[in-house]
Protein backbone atom coordinates (compact mmCIF):
# COMPACT_ATOMS: atom_id res chain seq x y z
CA MET A 1 -46.73 36.71 55.60
CA SER A 2 -44.21 36.38 53.06
CA LYS A 3 -41.66 38.98 52.60
CA GLU A 4 -41.83 41.44 49.76
CA PHE A 5 -38.99 42.93 48.10
CA ARG A 6 -38.78 45.92 45.76
CA LEU A 7 -36.24 46.14 42.96
CA MET A 8 -35.31 49.89 42.04
CA ILE A 9 -34.09 50.81 38.52
CA LEU A 10 -32.94 54.45 37.76
CA SER A 11 -32.47 55.56 34.71
CA GLU A 12 -29.41 58.14 34.11
CA LYS A 13 -30.87 59.65 30.93
CA SER A 14 -34.64 60.34 32.08
CA GLY A 15 -33.95 60.38 35.70
CA ARG A 16 -37.05 58.13 36.05
CA ASN A 17 -37.26 55.43 38.69
CA TYR A 18 -38.69 51.98 37.65
CA SER A 19 -39.59 49.49 40.40
CA ILE A 20 -40.15 45.64 40.45
CA LYS A 21 -42.08 44.13 43.41
CA THR A 22 -41.68 40.53 44.11
CA ARG A 23 -42.27 38.00 46.96
CA LEU A 24 -39.10 35.85 48.46
CA MET A 25 -40.50 32.39 47.33
CA PRO A 26 -40.87 33.62 43.42
CA LEU A 27 -37.37 35.22 43.54
CA LEU A 28 -35.84 32.19 44.98
CA LEU A 29 -37.36 29.98 42.35
CA LEU A 30 -36.19 32.06 39.77
CA ILE A 31 -32.78 32.14 41.06
CA PHE A 32 -32.45 28.57 41.55
CA GLY A 33 -34.15 28.18 38.24
CA PHE A 34 -31.56 30.18 36.38
CA PHE A 35 -28.70 28.34 37.96
CA GLY A 36 -30.59 24.99 37.42
CA ILE A 37 -30.94 25.61 33.84
CA ILE A 38 -27.14 26.76 33.76
CA ALA A 39 -25.95 23.34 35.48
CA LEU A 40 -28.19 21.31 33.32
CA THR A 41 -26.71 22.70 30.16
CA VAL A 42 -23.00 22.12 31.73
CA ILE A 43 -24.14 18.42 32.26
CA SER A 44 -25.70 17.79 29.04
CA ILE A 45 -22.55 19.42 27.18
CA ALA A 46 -20.46 17.07 29.34
CA ASN A 47 -22.31 14.07 28.65
CA TYR A 48 -22.39 15.20 25.10
CA VAL A 49 -18.67 15.36 24.55
CA HIS A 50 -18.23 12.23 26.57
CA VAL A 51 -20.71 10.20 24.24
CA TYR A 52 -19.10 11.73 21.14
CA GLN A 53 -15.63 10.78 22.59
CA GLN A 54 -16.88 7.08 23.05
CA ILE A 55 -18.45 6.99 19.44
CA THR A 56 -15.08 8.19 18.03
CA ASP A 57 -13.10 5.75 20.08
CA ALA A 58 -15.29 3.03 18.87
CA GLU A 59 -15.12 4.18 15.22
CA GLN A 60 -11.31 4.36 15.39
CA MET A 61 -11.47 0.79 17.02
CA ILE A 62 -13.70 -0.64 14.45
CA GLY A 63 -11.42 0.94 11.47
CA THR A 64 -8.54 -0.79 13.49
CA LEU A 65 -10.32 -4.11 13.24
CA GLU A 66 -11.20 -3.97 9.51
CA LYS A 67 -7.66 -3.05 8.78
CA ASP A 68 -6.64 -5.98 11.11
CA LEU A 69 -9.19 -8.11 9.31
CA ALA A 70 -8.17 -6.85 5.68
CA GLU A 71 -4.42 -7.70 6.58
CA LEU A 72 -5.25 -11.20 8.02
CA LYS A 73 -7.17 -11.81 4.78
CA GLU A 74 -4.60 -10.90 2.84
CA GLN A 75 -1.91 -13.22 4.67
CA ASN A 76 -4.30 -15.89 4.46
CA ARG A 77 -4.80 -15.14 0.69
CA GLU A 78 -0.58 -15.22 0.53
CA ALA A 79 -0.33 -18.53 2.53
CA VAL A 80 -2.41 -20.44 -0.20
CA GLN A 81 -0.67 -18.73 -3.10
CA TYR A 82 2.94 -19.98 -1.17
CA LYS A 83 1.46 -23.08 -0.58
CA GLN A 84 0.59 -23.60 -4.17
CA TRP A 85 3.85 -22.21 -5.52
CA ALA A 86 5.60 -24.68 -2.67
CA ASP A 87 3.86 -27.72 -3.83
CA ALA A 88 4.61 -26.64 -7.86
CA ILE A 89 8.70 -26.48 -6.66
CA ILE A 90 8.29 -29.90 -5.18
CA TYR A 91 6.64 -31.46 -8.39
CA ARG A 92 9.43 -29.86 -10.35
CA ARG A 93 12.12 -31.00 -8.20
CA THR A 94 10.35 -34.50 -8.29
CA HIS A 95 9.60 -34.91 -11.79
CA TYR A 96 12.10 -32.48 -13.79
CA ASP A 97 15.03 -32.15 -11.47
CA ASP A 98 14.60 -28.32 -11.57
CA ILE A 99 15.29 -27.28 -8.16
CA THR A 100 16.08 -23.61 -8.84
CA GLY A 101 12.41 -22.39 -9.22
CA LYS A 102 14.02 -19.94 -12.00
CA GLY A 103 11.88 -19.12 -15.12
CA THR A 104 8.71 -20.82 -16.26
CA MET A 105 9.92 -24.74 -16.88
CA THR A 106 8.67 -27.75 -18.47
CA ALA A 107 9.90 -31.08 -18.98
CA GLY A 108 13.15 -31.14 -21.63
CA GLN A 109 13.00 -26.93 -22.28
CA ASN A 110 14.98 -24.47 -20.93
CA SER A 111 13.10 -21.40 -19.45
CA ARG A 112 11.27 -19.06 -21.76
CA ALA A 113 13.04 -15.80 -20.27
CA GLY A 114 16.91 -16.86 -19.31
CA GLU A 115 18.37 -15.08 -16.48
CA VAL A 116 21.23 -12.60 -17.28
CA PRO A 117 24.48 -14.17 -15.87
CA GLY A 118 26.27 -12.24 -13.27
CA SER A 119 23.49 -9.55 -13.36
CA ASP A 120 22.24 -10.34 -10.05
CA ILE A 121 22.27 -8.05 -6.95
CA LYS A 122 21.11 -10.15 -4.22
CA PRO A 123 22.63 -8.71 -0.80
CA LYS A 124 23.03 -11.37 2.03
CA SER A 125 20.26 -9.57 3.97
CA SER A 126 17.74 -9.87 1.37
CA LEU A 127 15.17 -12.23 1.98
CA LEU A 128 13.27 -11.33 -1.31
CA ASP A 129 13.72 -13.45 -4.31
CA ILE A 130 11.59 -14.24 -7.77
CA ASP A 131 10.08 -17.24 -9.28
CA GLU A 132 8.09 -17.97 -12.17
CA PHE A 133 9.23 -15.37 -14.32
CA ASP A 134 7.55 -14.90 -17.73
CA VAL A 135 7.11 -12.75 -20.48
CA ARG A 136 3.87 -12.47 -22.68
CA ARG A 137 3.94 -10.84 -25.96
CA LEU A 138 0.95 -8.57 -26.53
CA ASN A 139 0.83 -7.41 -30.07
CA LEU A 140 2.82 -6.77 -33.20
CA GLU A 141 4.83 -4.15 -31.80
CA LEU A 142 6.24 -6.44 -29.13
CA ASP A 143 5.01 -4.78 -26.26
CA PHE A 144 5.08 -7.32 -23.52
CA GLU A 145 3.40 -8.23 -20.21
CA VAL A 146 6.07 -9.12 -17.42
CA SER A 147 4.99 -11.16 -14.40
CA PHE A 148 6.33 -13.24 -11.60
CA LYS A 149 6.24 -14.17 -8.00
CA LEU A 150 8.08 -11.98 -5.35
CA ILE A 151 8.81 -14.39 -2.86
CA ASN A 152 9.42 -13.74 1.04
CA ARG A 153 11.97 -16.15 2.08
CA SER A 154 12.28 -15.37 5.84
CA ASN A 155 11.82 -18.14 8.08
CA GLY A 156 9.58 -16.34 10.61
CA ARG A 157 7.61 -14.59 7.55
CA LYS A 158 8.28 -11.34 8.77
CA LYS A 159 6.41 -8.88 6.67
CA LEU A 160 8.65 -7.17 4.21
CA SER A 161 7.66 -3.82 2.51
CA GLY A 162 9.27 -1.56 -0.16
CA TYR A 163 8.91 -0.66 -3.73
CA LEU A 164 9.29 -2.63 -6.84
CA HIS A 165 10.35 -1.46 -10.56
CA ILE A 166 10.78 -3.25 -13.80
CA VAL A 167 12.96 -1.96 -16.08
CA ALA A 168 13.27 -2.94 -19.63
CA SER A 169 16.63 -2.20 -21.59
CA ASN A 170 18.79 -2.70 -24.75
CA ASN A 171 22.50 -2.17 -23.90
CA ASP A 172 23.64 -3.46 -27.27
CA VAL A 173 22.82 -0.35 -29.28
CA LYS A 174 23.69 3.32 -28.87
CA PRO A 175 22.61 5.20 -27.20
CA ASP A 176 21.13 2.68 -24.65
CA ILE A 177 17.46 2.41 -24.08
CA TYR A 178 15.69 1.94 -21.24
CA SER A 179 12.02 1.99 -20.21
CA SER A 180 10.22 1.18 -16.86
CA TRP A 181 7.07 0.05 -14.87
CA PRO A 182 5.65 1.89 -13.15
CA PRO A 183 6.61 4.72 -15.41
CA GLY A 184 9.36 6.80 -14.23
CA GLU A 185 12.50 8.65 -14.87
CA LEU A 186 15.59 6.51 -15.33
CA LEU A 187 19.25 7.36 -15.11
CA SER A 188 21.58 4.60 -16.75
CA GLY A 189 18.59 2.22 -16.07
CA MET A 190 18.18 3.02 -12.62
CA PRO A 191 14.98 4.42 -11.28
CA GLN A 192 15.64 7.96 -9.99
CA ASP A 193 12.89 8.10 -7.33
CA TYR A 194 12.67 4.65 -5.93
CA LYS A 195 9.26 5.69 -4.36
CA LYS A 196 7.22 5.76 -7.40
CA GLY A 197 7.74 1.97 -7.88
CA SER A 198 4.86 -0.53 -7.04
CA LYS A 199 4.60 -0.67 -3.43
CA TYR A 200 4.85 -4.46 -2.18
CA ALA A 201 4.31 -5.51 1.58
CA ILE A 202 4.47 -9.45 1.83
CA SER A 203 4.48 -11.93 4.40
CA TYR A 204 4.67 -14.84 1.72
CA LEU A 205 4.32 -14.00 -1.74
CA LYS A 206 2.98 -11.33 -4.23
CA GLN A 207 2.13 -12.20 -7.80
CA VAL A 208 3.51 -9.08 -9.93
CA LYS A 209 2.25 -8.02 -13.68
CA GLY A 210 3.64 -5.10 -15.26
CA ARG A 211 3.25 -3.76 -18.90
CA ILE A 212 6.43 -2.77 -20.78
CA ASN A 213 5.58 -0.71 -24.28
CA GLN A 214 8.25 -0.91 -26.96
CA PRO A 215 9.85 2.07 -28.95
CA ASP A 216 7.61 2.93 -32.01
CA ILE A 217 10.92 3.17 -34.27
CA GLY A 218 14.17 1.82 -33.74
CA SER A 219 15.79 -0.82 -31.54
CA LYS A 220 13.49 -2.97 -28.97
CA PHE A 221 14.21 -4.35 -25.57
CA ASN A 222 16.16 -7.57 -24.99
CA ARG A 223 16.37 -7.60 -21.44
CA VAL A 224 14.40 -6.89 -18.19
CA ASP A 225 15.77 -5.91 -14.83
CA VAL A 226 13.58 -6.48 -11.83
CA ILE A 227 14.75 -4.06 -8.90
CA ALA A 228 13.33 -4.05 -5.43
CA TYR A 229 14.09 -1.24 -2.96
CA SER A 230 13.46 -1.54 0.86
CA GLU A 231 11.34 1.40 2.81
CA ASP A 232 14.39 3.42 3.35
CA GLY A 233 15.64 3.04 -0.65
CA ASN A 234 18.32 0.30 -0.14
CA ILE A 235 18.53 -1.92 -3.03
CA VAL A 236 17.39 -5.58 -1.68
CA LEU A 237 17.06 -7.42 -4.90
CA LYS A 238 18.16 -7.03 -8.28
CA LYS A 239 17.70 -9.79 -11.00
CA GLY A 240 17.96 -9.32 -14.76
CA PHE A 241 16.48 -11.47 -17.70
CA TYR A 242 16.79 -11.97 -21.34
CA VAL A 243 13.42 -11.53 -23.24
CA GLU A 244 14.66 -11.32 -26.85
CA ARG A 245 13.93 -14.74 -28.19
CA LEU A 246 10.56 -14.80 -26.50
CA LEU A 247 9.41 -11.79 -28.09
CA GLN A 248 10.50 -12.90 -31.65
CA GLN A 249 8.30 -15.79 -31.38
CA ASN A 250 4.97 -15.86 -33.45
CA PRO A 251 2.17 -15.46 -33.05
CA TYR A 252 1.74 -13.22 -29.94
CA GLU A 253 -0.86 -14.07 -27.44
């Protein structure tokens, strides 16, 4: 015969007694069932946290792989462009004796936009260079688009990154006039915040295009400087080009 248990509950307010009579086996089943439910709940929560962490790790891994794949695609695109650029340099050297690769050259012609003598700043540690610099006039107001290839000349093709500015100027008038792409504040023709430039990160080369709008009235820009900064704000490249002759040509493109 199974034992019976009686649970007594005394109400302090009313003074009444309440009792619950139960047998041992149902009581044990109730106790074990209660703690079993708690244990299952804890195990379920732990499994959920573990699975959630695995999903999060998988998503992060997928994101990293996608980023790496995008970088590989970009490097492959740069490599193809670099090969085309190198082939063009070899062709010019072979046929037109143009070994500098500066400016847009054709047989028997000078560059469309000539470099400014003595204006370059190219530290010995710099591995950046510019090739195929060109200026395309856009309208009657002489607004123009600058285009060129920013070249990574490092032997190991170490990725170079930083910020790029295109500064248009005219120092033959007083006061001097300046403008830049991307737009930003200038002091004596130099960007006040180098991080507002166009971001570059190249293993081989990058095709760069930037638009410069001329002043509505008065003198026009006759020079363009390309200024490249490293990530920490050091100037690693600065090259100047005369553009006045090209901008005066008609018709515009």
